[in-house]
């Protein structure tokens, strides 16, 4: 059972993101347009009856602060060494593990991820697991695109997805996506 949930603000390019960790490791990265209140139900499941506490130093010790700063500065660093506490179903864990294998500067389709985990018919379920990715950017769900090489959706908004793809030098991905992600 997890007993502690810590959070800290991470200023990236003038916008505040939130990073959260349990005593086991990094468990969530929250986009600038979201906040702790948006994840209250999730927090209640992680530490029933507990309250997340701000602890910048604890998050810094995970290495995520330095990693995110370097990433947004255009540096490509492996994620090894950052302790993770990914909370999700077995299927979600499979998808998230596969996301971690998509190389910097490359894309995959939802179908390619489904095939890679041995479930080629589970394209929509892969999309849902991709959308539930608790540590976006670190596990690069932004690198996953539609079979037509267009943007589809992204919890951080398609503007952010495009920015991350551009940062990595990824070209040839067309505009698209549902209206709810057009921010």
N, C-alpha and C. Protein backbone atom coordinates (compact mmCIF):
# COMPACT_ATOMS: atom_id res chain seq x y z
N UNK A 1 0.84 -1.19 0.00
CA UNK A 1 0.00 0.00 0.00
C UNK A 1 0.89 1.25 0.00
N UNK A 2 0.48 2.21 -0.80
CA UNK A 2 1.20 3.47 -0.85
C UNK A 2 0.75 4.34 0.33
N UNK A 3 1.70 5.04 0.93
CA UNK A 3 1.35 5.85 2.10
C UNK A 3 1.62 7.33 1.90
N UNK A 4 2.36 7.67 0.87
CA UNK A 4 2.77 9.06 0.70
C UNK A 4 2.64 9.46 -0.76
N UNK A 5 2.10 10.65 -0.99
CA UNK A 5 2.01 11.20 -2.34
C UNK A 5 2.52 12.62 -2.28
N UNK A 6 3.59 12.87 -3.01
CA UNK A 6 4.23 14.19 -3.01
C UNK A 6 4.04 14.83 -4.37
N UNK A 7 4.00 16.14 -4.39
CA UNK A 7 3.88 16.85 -5.66
C UNK A 7 4.77 18.08 -5.64
N UNK A 8 5.08 18.57 -6.82
CA UNK A 8 5.85 19.81 -6.98
C UNK A 8 5.52 20.42 -8.32
N UNK A 9 5.63 21.74 -8.37
CA UNK A 9 5.48 22.44 -9.64
C UNK A 9 6.78 22.34 -10.39
N UNK A 10 6.65 22.25 -11.69
CA UNK A 10 7.82 22.23 -12.57
C UNK A 10 7.56 23.26 -13.65
N UNK A 11 8.31 24.33 -13.65
CA UNK A 11 8.11 25.36 -14.66
C UNK A 11 8.88 24.98 -15.92
N UNK A 12 8.13 24.79 -16.98
CA UNK A 12 8.70 24.40 -18.26
C UNK A 12 8.24 25.39 -19.31
N UNK A 13 9.17 26.14 -19.84
CA UNK A 13 8.88 27.14 -20.86
C UNK A 13 7.79 28.13 -20.41
N UNK A 14 7.88 28.54 -19.16
CA UNK A 14 6.97 29.56 -18.64
C UNK A 14 5.60 29.05 -18.21
N UNK A 15 5.41 27.73 -18.21
CA UNK A 15 4.13 27.16 -17.80
C UNK A 15 4.36 26.16 -16.68
N UNK A 16 3.47 26.17 -15.70
CA UNK A 16 3.61 25.26 -14.56
C UNK A 16 2.95 23.91 -14.82
N UNK A 17 3.75 22.89 -14.79
CA UNK A 17 3.31 21.50 -14.83
C UNK A 17 3.38 21.01 -13.39
N UNK A 18 2.71 19.92 -13.08
CA UNK A 18 2.83 19.30 -11.77
C UNK A 18 3.39 17.90 -11.96
N UNK A 19 4.29 17.52 -11.07
CA UNK A 19 4.82 16.16 -11.06
C UNK A 19 4.50 15.56 -9.70
N UNK A 20 4.09 14.30 -9.70
CA UNK A 20 3.71 13.61 -8.48
C UNK A 20 4.49 12.32 -8.35
N UNK A 21 4.80 11.97 -7.11
CA UNK A 21 5.49 10.71 -6.83
C UNK A 21 4.98 10.13 -5.53
N UNK A 22 4.99 8.81 -5.48
CA UNK A 22 4.74 8.11 -4.23
C UNK A 22 6.12 7.79 -3.65
N UNK A 23 6.13 7.10 -2.53
CA UNK A 23 7.41 6.69 -1.96
C UNK A 23 8.12 5.68 -2.87
N UNK A 24 7.39 5.11 -3.84
CA UNK A 24 7.98 4.14 -4.76
C UNK A 24 8.61 4.79 -5.99
N UNK A 25 8.11 5.97 -6.39
CA UNK A 25 8.66 6.64 -7.56
C UNK A 25 7.66 7.55 -8.23
N UNK A 26 8.09 8.14 -9.33
CA UNK A 26 7.26 9.06 -10.12
C UNK A 26 6.00 8.34 -10.57
N UNK A 27 4.84 8.98 -10.36
CA UNK A 27 3.60 8.31 -10.73
C UNK A 27 2.71 9.14 -11.65
N UNK A 28 2.94 10.44 -11.77
CA UNK A 28 2.07 11.23 -12.64
C UNK A 28 2.75 12.55 -13.00
N UNK A 29 2.52 12.95 -14.26
CA UNK A 29 2.89 14.28 -14.74
C UNK A 29 1.58 14.92 -15.20
N UNK A 30 1.31 16.11 -14.68
CA UNK A 30 0.04 16.79 -14.96
C UNK A 30 0.32 18.01 -15.84
N UNK A 31 -0.39 18.08 -16.97
CA UNK A 31 -0.23 19.17 -17.92
C UNK A 31 -0.60 20.52 -17.30
N UNK A 32 -0.10 21.62 -17.87
CA UNK A 32 -0.36 22.96 -17.33
C UNK A 32 -1.85 23.33 -17.25
N UNK A 33 -2.67 22.81 -18.13
CA UNK A 33 -4.10 23.17 -18.10
C UNK A 33 -4.89 22.33 -17.09
N UNK A 34 -4.23 21.40 -16.42
CA UNK A 34 -4.86 20.55 -15.42
C UNK A 34 -4.32 20.92 -14.04
N UNK A 35 -4.93 20.38 -13.02
CA UNK A 35 -4.46 20.62 -11.66
C UNK A 35 -4.76 19.43 -10.77
N UNK A 36 -4.33 19.51 -9.52
CA UNK A 36 -4.57 18.42 -8.58
C UNK A 36 -6.06 18.11 -8.43
N UNK A 37 -6.89 19.14 -8.48
CA UNK A 37 -8.33 18.93 -8.33
C UNK A 37 -8.89 18.03 -9.42
N UNK A 38 -8.31 18.09 -10.62
CA UNK A 38 -8.75 17.24 -11.72
C UNK A 38 -8.47 15.76 -11.46
N UNK A 39 -7.59 15.47 -10.53
CA UNK A 39 -7.17 14.10 -10.26
C UNK A 39 -7.58 13.65 -8.85
N UNK A 40 -8.53 14.33 -8.23
CA UNK A 40 -8.92 14.04 -6.85
C UNK A 40 -9.38 12.60 -6.67
N UNK A 41 -10.17 12.10 -7.59
CA UNK A 41 -10.66 10.73 -7.49
C UNK A 41 -9.49 9.74 -7.58
N UNK A 42 -8.58 10.00 -8.49
CA UNK A 42 -7.39 9.16 -8.64
C UNK A 42 -6.55 9.21 -7.37
N UNK A 43 -6.33 10.41 -6.83
CA UNK A 43 -5.54 10.58 -5.60
C UNK A 43 -6.18 9.80 -4.46
N UNK A 44 -7.49 9.84 -4.35
CA UNK A 44 -8.20 9.13 -3.28
C UNK A 44 -8.00 7.61 -3.38
N UNK A 45 -7.86 7.10 -4.59
CA UNK A 45 -7.59 5.67 -4.77
C UNK A 45 -6.14 5.32 -4.43
N UNK A 46 -5.23 6.25 -4.69
CA UNK A 46 -3.81 5.98 -4.49
C UNK A 46 -3.45 6.00 -3.00
N UNK A 47 -3.92 7.02 -2.31
CA UNK A 47 -3.65 7.13 -0.87
C UNK A 47 -4.97 7.42 -0.15
N UNK A 48 -5.78 6.39 0.04
CA UNK A 48 -7.09 6.58 0.68
C UNK A 48 -6.97 7.34 2.00
N UNK A 49 -7.73 8.41 2.09
CA UNK A 49 -7.72 9.21 3.31
C UNK A 49 -6.52 10.11 3.47
N UNK A 50 -5.57 10.02 2.56
CA UNK A 50 -4.36 10.84 2.66
C UNK A 50 -4.47 12.11 1.85
N UNK A 51 -3.53 12.97 2.05
CA UNK A 51 -3.48 14.24 1.33
C UNK A 51 -2.11 14.38 0.69
N UNK A 52 -2.09 14.72 -0.59
CA UNK A 52 -0.78 14.95 -1.22
C UNK A 52 -0.08 16.13 -0.57
N UNK A 53 1.22 16.04 -0.46
CA UNK A 53 1.96 17.15 0.14
C UNK A 53 3.00 17.67 -0.85
N UNK A 54 3.18 18.96 -0.81
CA UNK A 54 4.18 19.57 -1.68
C UNK A 54 5.56 19.25 -1.14
N UNK A 55 6.44 18.74 -2.01
CA UNK A 55 7.80 18.38 -1.60
C UNK A 55 8.70 18.42 -2.82
N UNK A 56 9.17 19.61 -3.12
CA UNK A 56 10.01 19.81 -4.31
C UNK A 56 11.29 18.98 -4.26
N UNK A 57 11.88 18.88 -3.10
CA UNK A 57 13.14 18.15 -2.97
C UNK A 57 12.95 16.65 -3.24
N UNK A 58 11.86 16.08 -2.76
CA UNK A 58 11.60 14.65 -3.01
C UNK A 58 11.45 14.39 -4.50
N UNK A 59 10.76 15.27 -5.21
CA UNK A 59 10.61 15.10 -6.65
C UNK A 59 11.93 15.32 -7.37
N UNK A 60 12.71 16.26 -6.92
CA UNK A 60 14.01 16.50 -7.53
C UNK A 60 14.89 15.25 -7.43
N UNK A 61 14.81 14.56 -6.29
CA UNK A 61 15.62 13.35 -6.09
C UNK A 61 15.25 12.23 -7.07
N UNK A 62 14.04 12.23 -7.62
CA UNK A 62 13.68 11.20 -8.60
C UNK A 62 14.44 11.40 -9.90
N UNK A 63 14.90 12.62 -10.15
CA UNK A 63 15.59 12.93 -11.39
C UNK A 63 14.67 13.51 -12.46
N UNK A 64 13.37 13.55 -12.20
CA UNK A 64 12.43 14.00 -13.22
C UNK A 64 12.58 15.49 -13.53
N UNK A 65 12.89 16.30 -12.53
CA UNK A 65 13.03 17.74 -12.77
C UNK A 65 14.14 18.01 -13.78
N UNK A 66 15.29 17.41 -13.55
CA UNK A 66 16.42 17.61 -14.48
C UNK A 66 16.10 17.04 -15.85
N UNK A 67 15.44 15.86 -15.87
CA UNK A 67 15.10 15.23 -17.14
C UNK A 67 14.17 16.12 -17.95
N UNK A 68 13.11 16.65 -17.33
CA UNK A 68 12.16 17.50 -18.05
C UNK A 68 12.82 18.79 -18.54
N UNK A 69 13.65 19.40 -17.70
CA UNK A 69 14.35 20.63 -18.12
C UNK A 69 15.22 20.34 -19.34
N UNK A 70 15.94 19.24 -19.30
CA UNK A 70 16.81 18.87 -20.42
C UNK A 70 15.99 18.58 -21.68
N UNK A 71 14.89 17.85 -21.52
CA UNK A 71 14.04 17.51 -22.67
C UNK A 71 13.54 18.78 -23.35
N UNK A 72 13.01 19.71 -22.57
CA UNK A 72 12.47 20.93 -23.17
C UNK A 72 13.57 21.87 -23.68
N UNK A 73 14.81 21.59 -23.31
CA UNK A 73 15.95 22.33 -23.86
C UNK A 73 16.45 21.66 -25.14
N UNK A 74 15.77 20.58 -25.56
CA UNK A 74 16.13 19.91 -26.80
C UNK A 74 17.12 18.78 -26.64
N UNK A 75 17.43 18.40 -25.42
CA UNK A 75 18.36 17.31 -25.19
C UNK A 75 17.60 15.99 -25.13
N UNK A 76 18.21 14.96 -25.64
CA UNK A 76 17.60 13.63 -25.61
C UNK A 76 18.34 12.79 -24.59
N UNK A 77 17.64 12.44 -23.51
CA UNK A 77 18.24 11.62 -22.46
C UNK A 77 17.37 10.40 -22.21
N UNK A 78 17.98 9.24 -21.98
CA UNK A 78 17.18 8.05 -21.66
C UNK A 78 16.49 8.23 -20.30
N UNK A 79 15.41 7.49 -20.09
CA UNK A 79 14.68 7.63 -18.84
C UNK A 79 15.19 6.71 -17.75
N UNK A 80 16.20 5.92 -18.03
CA UNK A 80 16.70 4.99 -17.02
C UNK A 80 17.17 5.77 -15.78
N UNK A 81 16.95 5.16 -14.66
CA UNK A 81 17.37 5.78 -13.40
C UNK A 81 16.27 6.54 -12.69
N UNK A 82 15.20 6.87 -13.39
CA UNK A 82 14.08 7.56 -12.75
C UNK A 82 13.15 6.48 -12.20
N UNK A 83 12.99 6.42 -10.87
CA UNK A 83 12.10 5.40 -10.31
C UNK A 83 10.65 5.70 -10.69
N UNK A 84 9.94 4.67 -11.14
CA UNK A 84 8.56 4.85 -11.57
C UNK A 84 7.62 4.03 -10.70
N UNK A 85 6.43 4.55 -10.50
CA UNK A 85 5.35 3.84 -9.83
C UNK A 85 4.11 4.03 -10.70
N UNK A 86 4.05 3.25 -11.78
CA UNK A 86 2.95 3.37 -12.73
C UNK A 86 1.75 2.58 -12.23
N UNK A 87 0.64 3.28 -12.10
CA UNK A 87 -0.56 2.69 -11.52
C UNK A 87 -1.60 2.54 -12.62
N UNK A 88 -1.86 1.28 -13.00
CA UNK A 88 -2.82 1.02 -14.07
C UNK A 88 -3.05 -0.47 -14.20
N UNK A 89 -3.95 -0.83 -15.12
CA UNK A 89 -4.26 -2.23 -15.36
C UNK A 89 -3.08 -2.92 -16.04
N UNK A 90 -3.15 -4.25 -16.08
CA UNK A 90 -2.09 -5.01 -16.75
C UNK A 90 -1.99 -4.60 -18.22
N UNK A 91 -3.14 -4.41 -18.88
CA UNK A 91 -3.14 -4.00 -20.29
C UNK A 91 -2.51 -2.61 -20.43
N UNK A 92 -2.92 -1.67 -19.60
CA UNK A 92 -2.33 -0.33 -19.65
C UNK A 92 -0.83 -0.40 -19.45
N UNK A 93 -0.37 -1.21 -18.51
CA UNK A 93 1.06 -1.36 -18.25
C UNK A 93 1.79 -1.86 -19.50
N UNK A 94 1.18 -2.80 -20.22
CA UNK A 94 1.78 -3.30 -21.47
C UNK A 94 1.94 -2.18 -22.48
N UNK A 95 0.87 -1.41 -22.65
CA UNK A 95 0.90 -0.31 -23.61
C UNK A 95 1.95 0.72 -23.19
N UNK A 96 1.96 1.08 -21.92
CA UNK A 96 2.90 2.10 -21.45
C UNK A 96 4.35 1.63 -21.61
N UNK A 97 4.58 0.36 -21.37
CA UNK A 97 5.92 -0.18 -21.56
C UNK A 97 6.34 -0.04 -23.03
N UNK A 98 5.40 -0.33 -23.93
CA UNK A 98 5.69 -0.22 -25.36
C UNK A 98 5.92 1.24 -25.76
N UNK A 99 5.17 2.17 -25.16
CA UNK A 99 5.39 3.60 -25.42
C UNK A 99 6.84 3.96 -25.11
N UNK A 100 7.35 3.42 -24.03
CA UNK A 100 8.73 3.70 -23.63
C UNK A 100 9.76 3.20 -24.61
N UNK A 101 9.36 2.34 -25.51
CA UNK A 101 10.29 1.81 -26.51
C UNK A 101 10.31 2.63 -27.80
N UNK A 102 9.38 3.57 -27.94
CA UNK A 102 9.35 4.37 -29.17
C UNK A 102 10.50 5.37 -29.10
N UNK A 103 11.45 5.28 -30.01
CA UNK A 103 12.63 6.13 -29.95
C UNK A 103 12.32 7.63 -30.13
N UNK A 104 13.14 8.42 -29.49
CA UNK A 104 13.10 9.87 -29.64
C UNK A 104 13.17 10.21 -31.13
N UNK A 105 12.30 11.11 -31.58
CA UNK A 105 12.33 11.54 -32.97
C UNK A 105 11.61 10.64 -33.94
N UNK A 106 10.92 9.61 -33.43
CA UNK A 106 10.17 8.69 -34.29
C UNK A 106 8.72 8.62 -33.82
N UNK A 107 7.85 8.16 -34.71
CA UNK A 107 6.45 7.96 -34.34
C UNK A 107 6.05 6.51 -34.57
N UNK A 108 4.95 6.14 -33.96
CA UNK A 108 4.30 4.85 -34.20
C UNK A 108 2.81 5.14 -34.30
N UNK A 109 2.09 4.23 -34.94
CA UNK A 109 0.64 4.35 -34.98
C UNK A 109 0.06 3.52 -33.83
N UNK A 110 -1.20 3.77 -33.53
CA UNK A 110 -1.89 2.98 -32.51
C UNK A 110 -1.90 1.51 -32.92
N UNK A 111 -2.07 1.25 -34.22
CA UNK A 111 -2.06 -0.12 -34.72
C UNK A 111 -0.70 -0.78 -34.52
N UNK A 112 0.36 -0.05 -34.72
CA UNK A 112 1.70 -0.61 -34.53
C UNK A 112 1.94 -0.94 -33.06
N UNK A 113 1.44 -0.11 -32.16
CA UNK A 113 1.59 -0.40 -30.73
C UNK A 113 0.78 -1.65 -30.39
N UNK A 114 -0.46 -1.74 -30.91
CA UNK A 114 -1.30 -2.91 -30.66
C UNK A 114 -0.61 -4.19 -31.15
N UNK A 115 -0.05 -4.15 -32.34
CA UNK A 115 0.66 -5.31 -32.88
C UNK A 115 1.89 -5.65 -32.03
N UNK A 116 2.59 -4.63 -31.58
CA UNK A 116 3.82 -4.85 -30.80
C UNK A 116 3.55 -5.54 -29.47
N UNK A 117 2.37 -5.31 -28.91
CA UNK A 117 2.05 -5.98 -27.63
C UNK A 117 1.28 -7.29 -27.86
N UNK A 118 1.18 -7.70 -29.13
CA UNK A 118 0.55 -8.97 -29.45
C UNK A 118 -0.97 -8.94 -29.46
N UNK A 119 -1.56 -7.76 -29.58
CA UNK A 119 -3.01 -7.61 -29.61
C UNK A 119 -3.41 -6.71 -30.78
N UNK A 120 -3.19 -7.17 -32.01
CA UNK A 120 -3.41 -6.31 -33.18
C UNK A 120 -4.84 -5.80 -33.35
N UNK A 121 -5.81 -6.47 -32.76
CA UNK A 121 -7.21 -6.02 -32.87
C UNK A 121 -7.57 -4.98 -31.81
N UNK A 122 -6.68 -4.69 -30.90
CA UNK A 122 -6.99 -3.82 -29.76
C UNK A 122 -6.59 -2.37 -29.99
N UNK A 123 -6.73 -1.89 -31.21
CA UNK A 123 -6.28 -0.53 -31.55
C UNK A 123 -6.99 0.52 -30.69
N UNK A 124 -8.30 0.41 -30.55
CA UNK A 124 -9.03 1.41 -29.74
C UNK A 124 -8.65 1.32 -28.27
N UNK A 125 -8.47 0.11 -27.77
CA UNK A 125 -8.05 -0.05 -26.38
C UNK A 125 -6.66 0.53 -26.17
N UNK A 126 -5.79 0.38 -27.16
CA UNK A 126 -4.46 1.00 -27.09
C UNK A 126 -4.61 2.52 -27.03
N UNK A 127 -5.53 3.06 -27.84
CA UNK A 127 -5.77 4.50 -27.80
C UNK A 127 -6.22 4.96 -26.43
N UNK A 128 -7.10 4.19 -25.80
CA UNK A 128 -7.58 4.55 -24.46
C UNK A 128 -6.45 4.47 -23.43
N UNK A 129 -5.63 3.42 -23.52
CA UNK A 129 -4.50 3.29 -22.60
C UNK A 129 -3.48 4.40 -22.83
N UNK A 130 -3.28 4.75 -24.09
CA UNK A 130 -2.38 5.84 -24.43
C UNK A 130 -2.87 7.14 -23.79
N UNK A 131 -4.18 7.38 -23.87
CA UNK A 131 -4.77 8.57 -23.28
C UNK A 131 -4.72 8.58 -21.77
N UNK A 132 -4.61 7.41 -21.16
CA UNK A 132 -4.53 7.30 -19.70
C UNK A 132 -3.08 7.29 -19.20
N UNK A 133 -2.13 7.44 -20.10
CA UNK A 133 -0.71 7.45 -19.73
C UNK A 133 -0.48 8.44 -18.59
N UNK A 134 -0.02 7.96 -17.44
CA UNK A 134 0.14 8.86 -16.30
C UNK A 134 1.38 9.76 -16.36
N UNK A 135 2.34 9.40 -17.19
CA UNK A 135 3.56 10.22 -17.24
C UNK A 135 3.88 10.61 -18.69
N UNK A 136 3.00 11.46 -19.26
CA UNK A 136 3.26 11.91 -20.63
C UNK A 136 4.60 12.63 -20.73
N UNK A 137 5.12 12.68 -21.88
CA UNK A 137 6.44 13.20 -22.25
C UNK A 137 7.50 12.17 -21.88
N UNK A 138 7.56 11.75 -20.63
CA UNK A 138 8.54 10.74 -20.24
C UNK A 138 8.23 9.42 -20.96
N UNK A 139 6.98 8.96 -20.88
CA UNK A 139 6.52 7.86 -21.73
C UNK A 139 5.83 8.55 -22.89
N UNK A 140 6.44 8.56 -24.05
CA UNK A 140 6.09 9.49 -25.13
C UNK A 140 4.80 9.17 -25.90
N UNK A 141 3.67 9.33 -25.25
CA UNK A 141 2.39 9.11 -25.93
C UNK A 141 2.18 10.12 -27.05
N UNK A 142 2.91 11.24 -27.01
CA UNK A 142 2.80 12.24 -28.08
C UNK A 142 3.36 11.71 -29.40
N UNK A 143 4.15 10.66 -29.35
CA UNK A 143 4.74 10.09 -30.57
C UNK A 143 3.79 9.11 -31.27
N UNK A 144 2.60 8.91 -30.70
CA UNK A 144 1.66 7.96 -31.27
C UNK A 144 0.64 8.74 -32.10
N UNK A 145 0.52 8.34 -33.37
CA UNK A 145 -0.32 9.08 -34.32
C UNK A 145 -1.29 8.11 -35.02
N UNK A 146 -2.20 8.68 -35.79
CA UNK A 146 -3.16 7.87 -36.54
C UNK A 146 -2.50 7.14 -37.70
N UNK A 147 -3.18 6.11 -38.18
CA UNK A 147 -2.68 5.33 -39.32
C UNK A 147 -2.52 6.19 -40.57
N UNK A 148 -3.27 7.30 -40.63
CA UNK A 148 -3.17 8.21 -41.77
C UNK A 148 -2.07 9.27 -41.58
N UNK A 149 -1.23 9.07 -40.57
CA UNK A 149 -0.12 9.98 -40.23
C UNK A 149 -0.63 11.36 -39.83
N UNK A 150 -1.78 11.39 -39.18
CA UNK A 150 -2.33 12.65 -38.67
C UNK A 150 -2.42 12.59 -37.16
N UNK A 151 -2.45 13.77 -36.57
CA UNK A 151 -2.70 13.87 -35.13
C UNK A 151 -4.10 13.33 -34.86
N UNK A 152 -4.27 12.71 -33.73
CA UNK A 152 -5.60 12.21 -33.37
C UNK A 152 -6.07 12.92 -32.12
N UNK A 153 -5.57 12.54 -30.99
CA UNK A 153 -5.94 13.18 -29.73
C UNK A 153 -4.72 13.29 -28.84
N UNK A 154 -4.87 14.06 -27.76
CA UNK A 154 -3.79 14.21 -26.80
C UNK A 154 -4.34 14.96 -25.61
N UNK A 155 -4.25 14.37 -24.43
CA UNK A 155 -4.79 15.00 -23.22
C UNK A 155 -4.19 16.38 -22.99
N UNK A 156 -2.99 16.60 -23.43
CA UNK A 156 -2.34 17.89 -23.28
C UNK A 156 -2.73 18.90 -24.35
N UNK A 157 -3.57 18.49 -25.29
CA UNK A 157 -4.00 19.35 -26.38
C UNK A 157 -3.12 19.14 -27.61
N UNK A 158 -3.73 19.28 -28.77
CA UNK A 158 -2.99 19.04 -30.01
C UNK A 158 -1.90 20.09 -30.26
N UNK A 159 -2.10 21.29 -29.74
CA UNK A 159 -1.05 22.30 -29.86
C UNK A 159 0.21 21.84 -29.12
N UNK A 160 0.03 21.26 -27.93
CA UNK A 160 1.17 20.74 -27.16
C UNK A 160 1.78 19.53 -27.87
N UNK A 161 0.94 18.66 -28.42
CA UNK A 161 1.45 17.48 -29.11
C UNK A 161 2.32 17.90 -30.30
N UNK A 162 1.83 18.87 -31.06
CA UNK A 162 2.59 19.37 -32.21
C UNK A 162 3.92 19.97 -31.73
N UNK A 163 3.88 20.71 -30.64
CA UNK A 163 5.09 21.33 -30.11
C UNK A 163 6.13 20.27 -29.72
N UNK A 164 5.69 19.19 -29.08
CA UNK A 164 6.60 18.13 -28.68
C UNK A 164 7.17 17.41 -29.89
N UNK A 165 6.34 17.16 -30.90
CA UNK A 165 6.83 16.53 -32.13
C UNK A 165 7.85 17.43 -32.83
N UNK A 166 7.55 18.73 -32.88
CA UNK A 166 8.49 19.69 -33.49
C UNK A 166 9.80 19.73 -32.72
N UNK A 167 9.72 19.71 -31.39
CA UNK A 167 10.92 19.73 -30.55
C UNK A 167 11.84 18.56 -30.89
N UNK A 168 11.23 17.42 -31.21
CA UNK A 168 12.00 16.22 -31.54
C UNK A 168 12.36 16.14 -33.02
N UNK A 169 11.95 17.13 -33.79
CA UNK A 169 12.28 17.14 -35.21
C UNK A 169 11.45 16.18 -36.04
N UNK A 170 10.28 15.81 -35.55
CA UNK A 170 9.42 14.87 -36.27
C UNK A 170 8.60 15.63 -37.30
N UNK A 171 8.74 15.23 -38.55
CA UNK A 171 8.05 15.89 -39.67
C UNK A 171 7.05 14.93 -40.30
N UNK A 172 6.18 15.47 -41.15
CA UNK A 172 5.28 14.64 -41.93
C UNK A 172 4.05 14.15 -41.21
N UNK A 173 3.70 14.80 -40.09
CA UNK A 173 2.48 14.43 -39.37
C UNK A 173 1.46 15.53 -39.63
N UNK A 174 0.33 15.13 -40.22
CA UNK A 174 -0.70 16.10 -40.58
C UNK A 174 -1.58 16.51 -39.41
N UNK A 175 -2.27 17.61 -39.59
CA UNK A 175 -3.23 18.06 -38.59
C UNK A 175 -4.45 17.17 -38.61
N UNK A 176 -5.12 17.12 -37.51
CA UNK A 176 -6.32 16.31 -37.37
C UNK A 176 -6.74 16.32 -35.93
N UNK A 177 -7.54 15.38 -35.55
CA UNK A 177 -7.93 15.25 -34.15
C UNK A 177 -9.31 15.77 -33.85
N UNK A 178 -9.86 15.26 -32.80
CA UNK A 178 -11.19 15.63 -32.34
C UNK A 178 -11.19 17.05 -31.79
N UNK A 179 -12.32 17.73 -31.93
CA UNK A 179 -12.45 19.13 -31.49
C UNK A 179 -12.11 19.31 -30.01
N UNK A 180 -12.37 18.30 -29.18
CA UNK A 180 -12.11 18.46 -27.74
C UNK A 180 -10.61 18.56 -27.42
N UNK A 181 -9.76 18.20 -28.38
CA UNK A 181 -8.31 18.30 -28.17
C UNK A 181 -7.71 19.53 -28.85
N UNK A 182 -8.54 20.38 -29.43
CA UNK A 182 -8.06 21.55 -30.16
C UNK A 182 -7.77 22.71 -29.20
N UNK A 183 -6.72 22.56 -28.47
CA UNK A 183 -6.24 23.65 -27.60
C UNK A 183 -4.75 23.53 -27.47
